[in-house]
PDB file of all heavy atoms in Angstrom:
ATOM      1  N   GLY A   1     -10.792  12.448  11.837  1.00  0.00           N
ATOM      2  CA  GLY A   1      -9.509  12.895  12.372  1.00  0.00           C
ATOM      3  C   GLY A   1      -9.460  14.406  12.471  1.00  0.00           C
ATOM      4  O   GLY A   1      -9.825  15.121  11.532  1.00  0.00           O
ATOM      5  N   SER A   2      -9.028  14.902  13.629  1.00  0.00           N
ATOM      6  CA  SER A   2      -8.847  16.337  13.831  1.00  0.00           C
ATOM      7  C   SER A   2      -7.550  16.565  14.593  1.00  0.00           C
ATOM      8  O   SER A   2      -7.393  16.080  15.714  1.00  0.00           O
ATOM      9  CB  SER A   2     -10.016  16.915  14.631  1.00  0.00           C
ATOM     10  OG  SER A   2      -9.846  18.291  14.854  1.00  0.00           O
ATOM     11  N   PRO A   3      -6.589  17.261  13.956  1.00  0.00           N
ATOM     12  CA  PRO A   3      -6.630  17.856  12.625  1.00  0.00           C
ATOM     13  C   PRO A   3      -6.731  16.778  11.532  1.00  0.00           C
ATOM     14  O   PRO A   3      -6.512  15.595  11.788  1.00  0.00           O
ATOM     15  CB  PRO A   3      -5.320  18.609  12.509  1.00  0.00           C
ATOM     16  CG  PRO A   3      -4.720  18.625  13.851  1.00  0.00           C
ATOM     17  CD  PRO A   3      -5.307  17.493  14.617  1.00  0.00           C
ATOM     18  N   GLN A   4      -7.036  17.260  10.322  1.00  0.00           N
ATOM     19  CA  GLN A   4      -7.201  16.356   9.193  1.00  0.00           C
ATOM     20  C   GLN A   4      -5.892  15.630   8.861  1.00  0.00           C
ATOM     21  O   GLN A   4      -4.802  16.095   9.169  1.00  0.00           O
ATOM     22  CB  GLN A   4      -7.637  17.165   7.965  1.00  0.00           C
ATOM     23  CG  GLN A   4      -8.795  16.568   7.218  1.00  0.00           C
ATOM     24  CD  GLN A   4      -9.206  17.416   6.034  1.00  0.00           C
ATOM     25  OE1 GLN A   4      -8.371  17.791   5.216  1.00  0.00           O
ATOM     26  NE2 GLN A   4     -10.493  17.700   5.925  1.00  0.00           N
ATOM     27  N   ILE A   5      -6.024  14.488   8.220  1.00  0.00           N
ATOM     28  CA  ILE A   5      -4.874  13.708   7.787  1.00  0.00           C
ATOM     29  C   ILE A   5      -3.987  14.537   6.860  1.00  0.00           C
ATOM     30  O   ILE A   5      -4.473  15.374   6.080  1.00  0.00           O
ATOM     31  CB  ILE A   5      -5.350  12.413   7.090  1.00  0.00           C
ATOM     32  CG1 ILE A   5      -4.199  11.417   6.938  1.00  0.00           C
ATOM     33  CG2 ILE A   5      -6.026  12.724   5.756  1.00  0.00           C
ATOM     34  CD1 ILE A   5      -4.670  10.033   6.504  1.00  0.00           C
ATOM     35  N   ASN A   6      -2.678  14.344   6.976  1.00  0.00           N
ATOM     36  CA  ASN A   6      -1.731  14.988   6.052  1.00  0.00           C
ATOM     37  C   ASN A   6      -1.598  14.132   4.798  1.00  0.00           C
ATOM     38  O   ASN A   6      -1.394  12.915   4.885  1.00  0.00           O
ATOM     39  CB  ASN A   6      -0.346  15.117   6.711  1.00  0.00           C
ATOM     40  CG  ASN A   6      -0.377  15.978   7.960  1.00  0.00           C
ATOM     41  OD1 ASN A   6      -0.660  17.163   7.898  1.00  0.00           O
ATOM     42  ND2 ASN A   6      -0.090  15.368   9.106  1.00  0.00           N
ATOM     43  N   LEU A   7      -1.727  14.742   3.636  1.00  0.00           N
ATOM     44  CA  LEU A   7      -1.564  14.039   2.362  1.00  0.00           C
ATOM     45  C   LEU A   7      -0.232  14.461   1.742  1.00  0.00           C
ATOM     46  O   LEU A   7      -0.003  15.641   1.474  1.00  0.00           O
ATOM     47  CB  LEU A   7      -2.728  14.365   1.422  1.00  0.00           C
ATOM     48  CG  LEU A   7      -4.109  13.936   1.947  1.00  0.00           C
ATOM     49  CD1 LEU A   7      -5.203  14.405   1.002  1.00  0.00           C
ATOM     50  CD2 LEU A   7      -4.174  12.423   2.135  1.00  0.00           C
ATOM     51  N   ILE A   8       0.632  13.475   1.564  1.00  0.00           N
ATOM     52  CA  ILE A   8       2.008  13.743   1.136  1.00  0.00           C
ATOM     53  C   ILE A   8       2.306  12.949  -0.122  1.00  0.00           C
ATOM     54  O   ILE A   8       2.053  11.736  -0.186  1.00  0.00           O
ATOM     55  CB  ILE A   8       3.005  13.360   2.259  1.00  0.00           C
ATOM     56  CG1 ILE A   8       2.678  14.132   3.545  1.00  0.00           C
ATOM     57  CG2 ILE A   8       4.436  13.608   1.824  1.00  0.00           C
ATOM     58  CD1 ILE A   8       3.475  13.676   4.751  1.00  0.00           C
ATOM     59  N   GLU A   9       2.826  13.615  -1.121  1.00  0.00           N
ATOM     60  CA  GLU A   9       3.194  12.938  -2.367  1.00  0.00           C
ATOM     61  C   GLU A   9       4.257  11.882  -2.084  1.00  0.00           C
ATOM     62  O   GLU A   9       5.202  12.108  -1.317  1.00  0.00           O
ATOM     63  CB  GLU A   9       3.733  13.974  -3.355  1.00  0.00           C
ATOM     64  CG  GLU A   9       4.054  13.437  -4.729  1.00  0.00           C
ATOM     65  CD  GLU A   9       4.610  14.505  -5.639  1.00  0.00           C
ATOM     66  OE1 GLU A   9       4.544  15.700  -5.267  1.00  0.00           O
ATOM     67  OE2 GLU A   9       5.133  14.146  -6.717  1.00  0.00           O
ATOM     68  N   ALA A  10       4.074  10.704  -2.675  1.00  0.00           N
ATOM     69  CA  ALA A  10       5.030   9.608  -2.467  1.00  0.00           C
ATOM     70  C   ALA A  10       6.442  10.081  -2.802  1.00  0.00           C
ATOM     71  O   ALA A  10       6.673  10.730  -3.828  1.00  0.00           O
ATOM     72  CB  ALA A  10       4.655   8.416  -3.332  1.00  0.00           C
ATOM     73  N   GLY A  11       7.387   9.774  -1.922  1.00  0.00           N
ATOM     74  CA  GLY A  11       8.772  10.170  -2.115  1.00  0.00           C
ATOM     75  C   GLY A  11       9.161  11.406  -1.338  1.00  0.00           C
ATOM     76  O   GLY A  11      10.348  11.609  -1.059  1.00  0.00           O
ATOM     77  N   ARG A  12       8.188  12.261  -0.979  1.00  0.00           N
ATOM     78  CA  ARG A  12       8.511  13.443  -0.185  1.00  0.00           C
ATOM     79  C   ARG A  12       8.765  13.032   1.259  1.00  0.00           C
ATOM     80  O   ARG A  12       8.278  12.001   1.737  1.00  0.00           O
ATOM     81  CB  ARG A  12       7.359  14.453  -0.238  1.00  0.00           C
ATOM     82  CG  ARG A  12       6.955  14.925  -1.630  1.00  0.00           C
ATOM     83  CD  ARG A  12       7.947  15.919  -2.215  1.00  0.00           C
ATOM     84  NE  ARG A  12       7.894  17.211  -1.567  1.00  0.00           N
ATOM     85  CZ  ARG A  12       7.063  18.208  -1.930  1.00  0.00           C
ATOM     86  NH1 ARG A  12       6.171  18.011  -2.896  1.00  0.00           N
ATOM     87  NH2 ARG A  12       7.120  19.376  -1.326  1.00  0.00           N
ATOM     88  N   LEU A  13       9.503  13.832   1.973  1.00  0.00           N
ATOM     89  CA  LEU A  13       9.847  13.580   3.380  1.00  0.00           C
ATOM     90  C   LEU A  13      10.466  12.205   3.595  1.00  0.00           C
ATOM     91  O   LEU A  13      10.360  11.616   4.657  1.00  0.00           O
ATOM     92  CB  LEU A  13       8.604  13.722   4.277  1.00  0.00           C
ATOM     93  CG  LEU A  13       8.102  15.139   4.556  1.00  0.00           C
ATOM     94  CD1 LEU A  13       6.911  15.086   5.494  1.00  0.00           C
ATOM     95  CD2 LEU A  13       9.187  16.021   5.145  1.00  0.00           C
ATOM     96  N   GLY A  14      11.095  11.675   2.551  1.00  0.00           N
ATOM     97  CA  GLY A  14      11.751  10.373   2.662  1.00  0.00           C
ATOM     98  C   GLY A  14      10.791   9.209   2.692  1.00  0.00           C
ATOM     99  O   GLY A  14      11.196   8.084   3.017  1.00  0.00           O
ATOM    100  N   LEU A  15       9.516   9.438   2.368  1.00  0.00           N
ATOM    101  CA  LEU A  15       8.547   8.345   2.382  1.00  0.00           C
ATOM    102  C   LEU A  15       8.787   7.399   1.221  1.00  0.00           C
ATOM    103  O   LEU A  15       8.783   7.814   0.061  1.00  0.00           O
ATOM    104  CB  LEU A  15       7.114   8.895   2.308  1.00  0.00           C
ATOM    105  CG  LEU A  15       6.499   9.306   3.636  1.00  0.00           C
ATOM    106  CD1 LEU A  15       5.213  10.072   3.401  1.00  0.00           C
ATOM    107  CD2 LEU A  15       6.233   8.086   4.502  1.00  0.00           C
ATOM    108  N   ALA A  16       8.979   6.149   1.536  1.00  0.00           N
ATOM    109  CA  ALA A  16       9.192   5.124   0.509  1.00  0.00           C
ATOM    110  C   ALA A  16       8.630   3.817   1.037  1.00  0.00           C
ATOM    111  O   ALA A  16       8.220   3.708   2.185  1.00  0.00           O
ATOM    112  CB  ALA A  16      10.687   4.986   0.200  1.00  0.00           C
ATOM    113  N   GLY A  17       8.611   2.822   0.161  1.00  0.00           N
ATOM    114  CA  GLY A  17       8.178   1.494   0.598  1.00  0.00           C
ATOM    115  C   GLY A  17       6.725   1.207   0.379  1.00  0.00           C
ATOM    116  O   GLY A  17       6.223   0.161   0.795  1.00  0.00           O
ATOM    117  N   GLY A  18       6.018   2.127  -0.287  1.00  0.00           N
ATOM    118  CA  GLY A  18       4.615   1.883  -0.561  1.00  0.00           C
ATOM    119  C   GLY A  18       4.443   0.966  -1.765  1.00  0.00           C
ATOM    120  O   GLY A  18       5.408   0.612  -2.457  1.00  0.00           O
ATOM    121  N   PRO A  19       3.202   0.550  -2.051  1.00  0.00           N
ATOM    122  CA  PRO A  19       2.939  -0.261  -3.237  1.00  0.00           C
ATOM    123  C   PRO A  19       3.380   0.462  -4.503  1.00  0.00           C
ATOM    124  O   PRO A  19       3.446   1.697  -4.525  1.00  0.00           O
ATOM    125  CB  PRO A  19       1.418  -0.452  -3.201  1.00  0.00           C
ATOM    126  CG  PRO A  19       1.030  -0.216  -1.780  1.00  0.00           C
ATOM    127  CD  PRO A  19       1.986   0.801  -1.260  1.00  0.00           C
ATOM    128  N   PRO A  20       3.658  -0.268  -5.574  1.00  0.00           N
ATOM    129  CA  PRO A  20       4.167   0.362  -6.804  1.00  0.00           C
ATOM    130  C   PRO A  20       3.262   1.460  -7.361  1.00  0.00           C
ATOM    131  O   PRO A  20       3.752   2.433  -7.919  1.00  0.00           O
ATOM    132  CB  PRO A  20       4.261  -0.821  -7.776  1.00  0.00           C
ATOM    133  CG  PRO A  20       4.432  -2.017  -6.911  1.00  0.00           C
ATOM    134  CD  PRO A  20       3.641  -1.744  -5.680  1.00  0.00           C
ATOM    135  N   ALA A  21       1.955   1.314  -7.191  1.00  0.00           N
ATOM    136  CA  ALA A  21       1.029   2.289  -7.765  1.00  0.00           C
ATOM    137  C   ALA A  21       0.786   3.492  -6.848  1.00  0.00           C
ATOM    138  O   ALA A  21       0.003   4.383  -7.190  1.00  0.00           O
ATOM    139  CB  ALA A  21      -0.306   1.611  -8.084  1.00  0.00           C
ATOM    140  N   ALA A  22       1.451   3.531  -5.692  1.00  0.00           N
ATOM    141  CA  ALA A  22       1.178   4.580  -4.706  1.00  0.00           C
ATOM    142  C   ALA A  22       1.538   5.954  -5.242  1.00  0.00           C
ATOM    143  O   ALA A  22       2.640   6.172  -5.746  1.00  0.00           O
ATOM    144  CB  ALA A  22       1.943   4.298  -3.426  1.00  0.00           C
ATOM    145  N   ALA A  23       0.606   6.881  -5.134  1.00  0.00           N
ATOM    146  CA  ALA A  23       0.841   8.267  -5.531  1.00  0.00           C
ATOM    147  C   ALA A  23       0.876   9.190  -4.320  1.00  0.00           C
ATOM    148  O   ALA A  23       1.559  10.215  -4.332  1.00  0.00           O
ATOM    149  CB  ALA A  23      -0.251   8.725  -6.500  1.00  0.00           C
ATOM    150  N   THR A  24       0.138   8.812  -3.268  1.00  0.00           N
ATOM    151  CA  THR A  24      -0.015   9.683  -2.097  1.00  0.00           C
ATOM    152  C   THR A  24       0.035   8.843  -0.829  1.00  0.00           C
ATOM    153  O   THR A  24      -0.500   7.741  -0.784  1.00  0.00           O
ATOM    154  CB  THR A  24      -1.367  10.430  -2.156  1.00  0.00           C
ATOM    155  OG1 THR A  24      -1.446  11.158  -3.377  1.00  0.00           O
ATOM    156  CG2 THR A  24      -1.520  11.382  -0.993  1.00  0.00           C
ATOM    157  N   ALA A  25       0.691   9.394   0.187  1.00  0.00           N
ATOM    158  CA  ALA A  25       0.678   8.776   1.514  1.00  0.00           C
ATOM    159  C   ALA A  25      -0.153   9.642   2.447  1.00  0.00           C
ATOM    160  O   ALA A  25       0.010  10.865   2.480  1.00  0.00           O
ATOM    161  CB  ALA A  25       2.090   8.633   2.059  1.00  0.00           C
ATOM    162  N   GLY A  26      -1.045   9.009   3.184  1.00  0.00           N
ATOM    163  CA  GLY A  26      -1.782   9.702   4.229  1.00  0.00           C
ATOM    164  C   GLY A  26      -1.089   9.477   5.559  1.00  0.00           C
ATOM    165  O   GLY A  26      -0.844   8.339   5.953  1.00  0.00           O
ATOM    166  N   ILE A  27      -0.742  10.560   6.241  1.00  0.00           N
ATOM    167  CA  ILE A  27      -0.056  10.482   7.529  1.00  0.00           C
ATOM    168  C   ILE A  27      -0.890  11.228   8.555  1.00  0.00           C
ATOM    169  O   ILE A  27      -1.117  12.442   8.433  1.00  0.00           O
ATOM    170  CB  ILE A  27       1.361  11.105   7.469  1.00  0.00           C
ATOM    171  CG1 ILE A  27       2.213  10.440   6.389  1.00  0.00           C
ATOM    172  CG2 ILE A  27       2.042  11.025   8.832  1.00  0.00           C
ATOM    173  CD1 ILE A  27       2.541   8.990   6.656  1.00  0.00           C
ATOM    174  N   ARG A  28      -1.381  10.512   9.561  1.00  0.00           N
ATOM    175  CA  ARG A  28      -2.143  11.153  10.618  1.00  0.00           C
ATOM    176  C   ARG A  28      -1.214  12.052  11.446  1.00  0.00           C
ATOM    177  O   ARG A  28      -0.015  11.754  11.599  1.00  0.00           O
ATOM    178  CB  ARG A  28      -2.784  10.104  11.532  1.00  0.00           C
ATOM    179  CG  ARG A  28      -3.822   9.210  10.852  1.00  0.00           C
ATOM    180  CD  ARG A  28      -5.103   9.944  10.577  1.00  0.00           C
ATOM    181  NE  ARG A  28      -6.137   9.077   9.993  1.00  0.00           N
ATOM    182  CZ  ARG A  28      -7.274   9.531   9.486  1.00  0.00           C
ATOM    183  NH1 ARG A  28      -7.523  10.829   9.488  1.00  0.00           N
ATOM    184  NH2 ARG A  28      -8.165   8.690   8.988  1.00  0.00           N
ATOM    185  N   PRO A  29      -1.731  13.165  11.994  1.00  0.00           N
ATOM    186  CA  PRO A  29      -0.882  14.072  12.773  1.00  0.00           C
ATOM    187  C   PRO A  29      -0.147  13.400  13.925  1.00  0.00           C
ATOM    188  O   PRO A  29       0.981  13.789  14.263  1.00  0.00           O
ATOM    189  CB  PRO A  29      -1.885  15.122  13.277  1.00  0.00           C
ATOM    190  CG  PRO A  29      -2.948  15.144  12.234  1.00  0.00           C
ATOM    191  CD  PRO A  29      -3.081  13.719  11.783  1.00  0.00           C
ATOM    192  N   GLU A  30      -0.760  12.370  14.527  1.00  0.00           N
ATOM    193  CA  GLU A  30      -0.102  11.672  15.636  1.00  0.00           C
ATOM    194  C   GLU A  30       1.062  10.810  15.173  1.00  0.00           C
ATOM    195  O   GLU A  30       1.834  10.308  16.005  1.00  0.00           O
ATOM    196  CB  GLU A  30      -1.111  10.817  16.412  1.00  0.00           C
ATOM    197  CG  GLU A  30      -1.785   9.719  15.605  1.00  0.00           C
ATOM    198  CD  GLU A  30      -3.098  10.136  14.971  1.00  0.00           C
ATOM    199  OE1 GLU A  30      -3.269  11.345  14.691  1.00  0.00           O
ATOM    200  OE2 GLU A  30      -3.956   9.256  14.755  1.00  0.00           O
ATOM    201  N   ASP A  31       1.215  10.626  13.852  1.00  0.00           N
ATOM    202  CA  ASP A  31       2.303   9.798  13.316  1.00  0.00           C
ATOM    203  C   ASP A  31       3.465  10.625  12.779  1.00  0.00           C
ATOM    204  O   ASP A  31       4.346  10.102  12.097  1.00  0.00           O
ATOM    205  CB  ASP A  31       1.760   8.865  12.224  1.00  0.00           C
ATOM    206  CG  ASP A  31       0.795   7.828  12.791  1.00  0.00           C
ATOM    207  OD1 ASP A  31       1.082   7.310  13.884  1.00  0.00           O
ATOM    208  OD2 ASP A  31      -0.241   7.557  12.161  1.00  0.00           O
ATOM    209  N   LEU A  32       3.463  11.904  13.102  1.00  0.00           N
ATOM    210  CA  LEU A  32       4.609  12.773  12.837  1.00  0.00           C
ATOM    211  C   LEU A  32       5.321  13.048  14.159  1.00  0.00           C
ATOM    212  O   LEU A  32       4.675  13.387  15.153  1.00  0.00           O
ATOM    213  CB  LEU A  32       4.162  14.102  12.225  1.00  0.00           C
ATOM    214  CG  LEU A  32       3.733  14.094  10.763  1.00  0.00           C
ATOM    215  CD1 LEU A  32       3.181  15.456  10.378  1.00  0.00           C
ATOM    216  CD2 LEU A  32       4.890  13.722   9.849  1.00  0.00           C
ATOM    217  N   THR A  33       6.626  12.872  14.177  1.00  0.00           N
ATOM    218  CA  THR A  33       7.416  13.142  15.373  1.00  0.00           C
ATOM    219  C   THR A  33       8.136  14.461  15.192  1.00  0.00           C
ATOM    220  O   THR A  33       9.016  14.588  14.326  1.00  0.00           O
ATOM    221  CB  THR A  33       8.437  12.028  15.635  1.00  0.00           C
ATOM    222  OG1 THR A  33       7.735  10.783  15.776  1.00  0.00           O
ATOM    223  CG2 THR A  33       9.234  12.304  16.898  1.00  0.00           C
ATOM    224  N   VAL A  34       7.748  15.455  15.971  1.00  0.00           N
ATOM    225  CA  VAL A  34       8.377  16.780  15.914  1.00  0.00           C
ATOM    226  C   VAL A  34       9.451  16.853  16.988  1.00  0.00           C
ATOM    227  O   VAL A  34       9.224  16.450  18.133  1.00  0.00           O
ATOM    228  CB  VAL A  34       7.334  17.894  16.117  1.00  0.00           C
ATOM    229  CG1 VAL A  34       7.998  19.267  16.068  1.00  0.00           C
ATOM    230  CG2 VAL A  34       6.234  17.793  15.064  1.00  0.00           C
TER     231      VAL A  34
END
């Protein structure tokens, strides 16, 4: 992936709904809506 995947701590930017053990969410640049 270019640019590199964004690594976001679970709970930041309103990210929720991951598995209970989730610590980090990987978000590809194409999956951010500016």
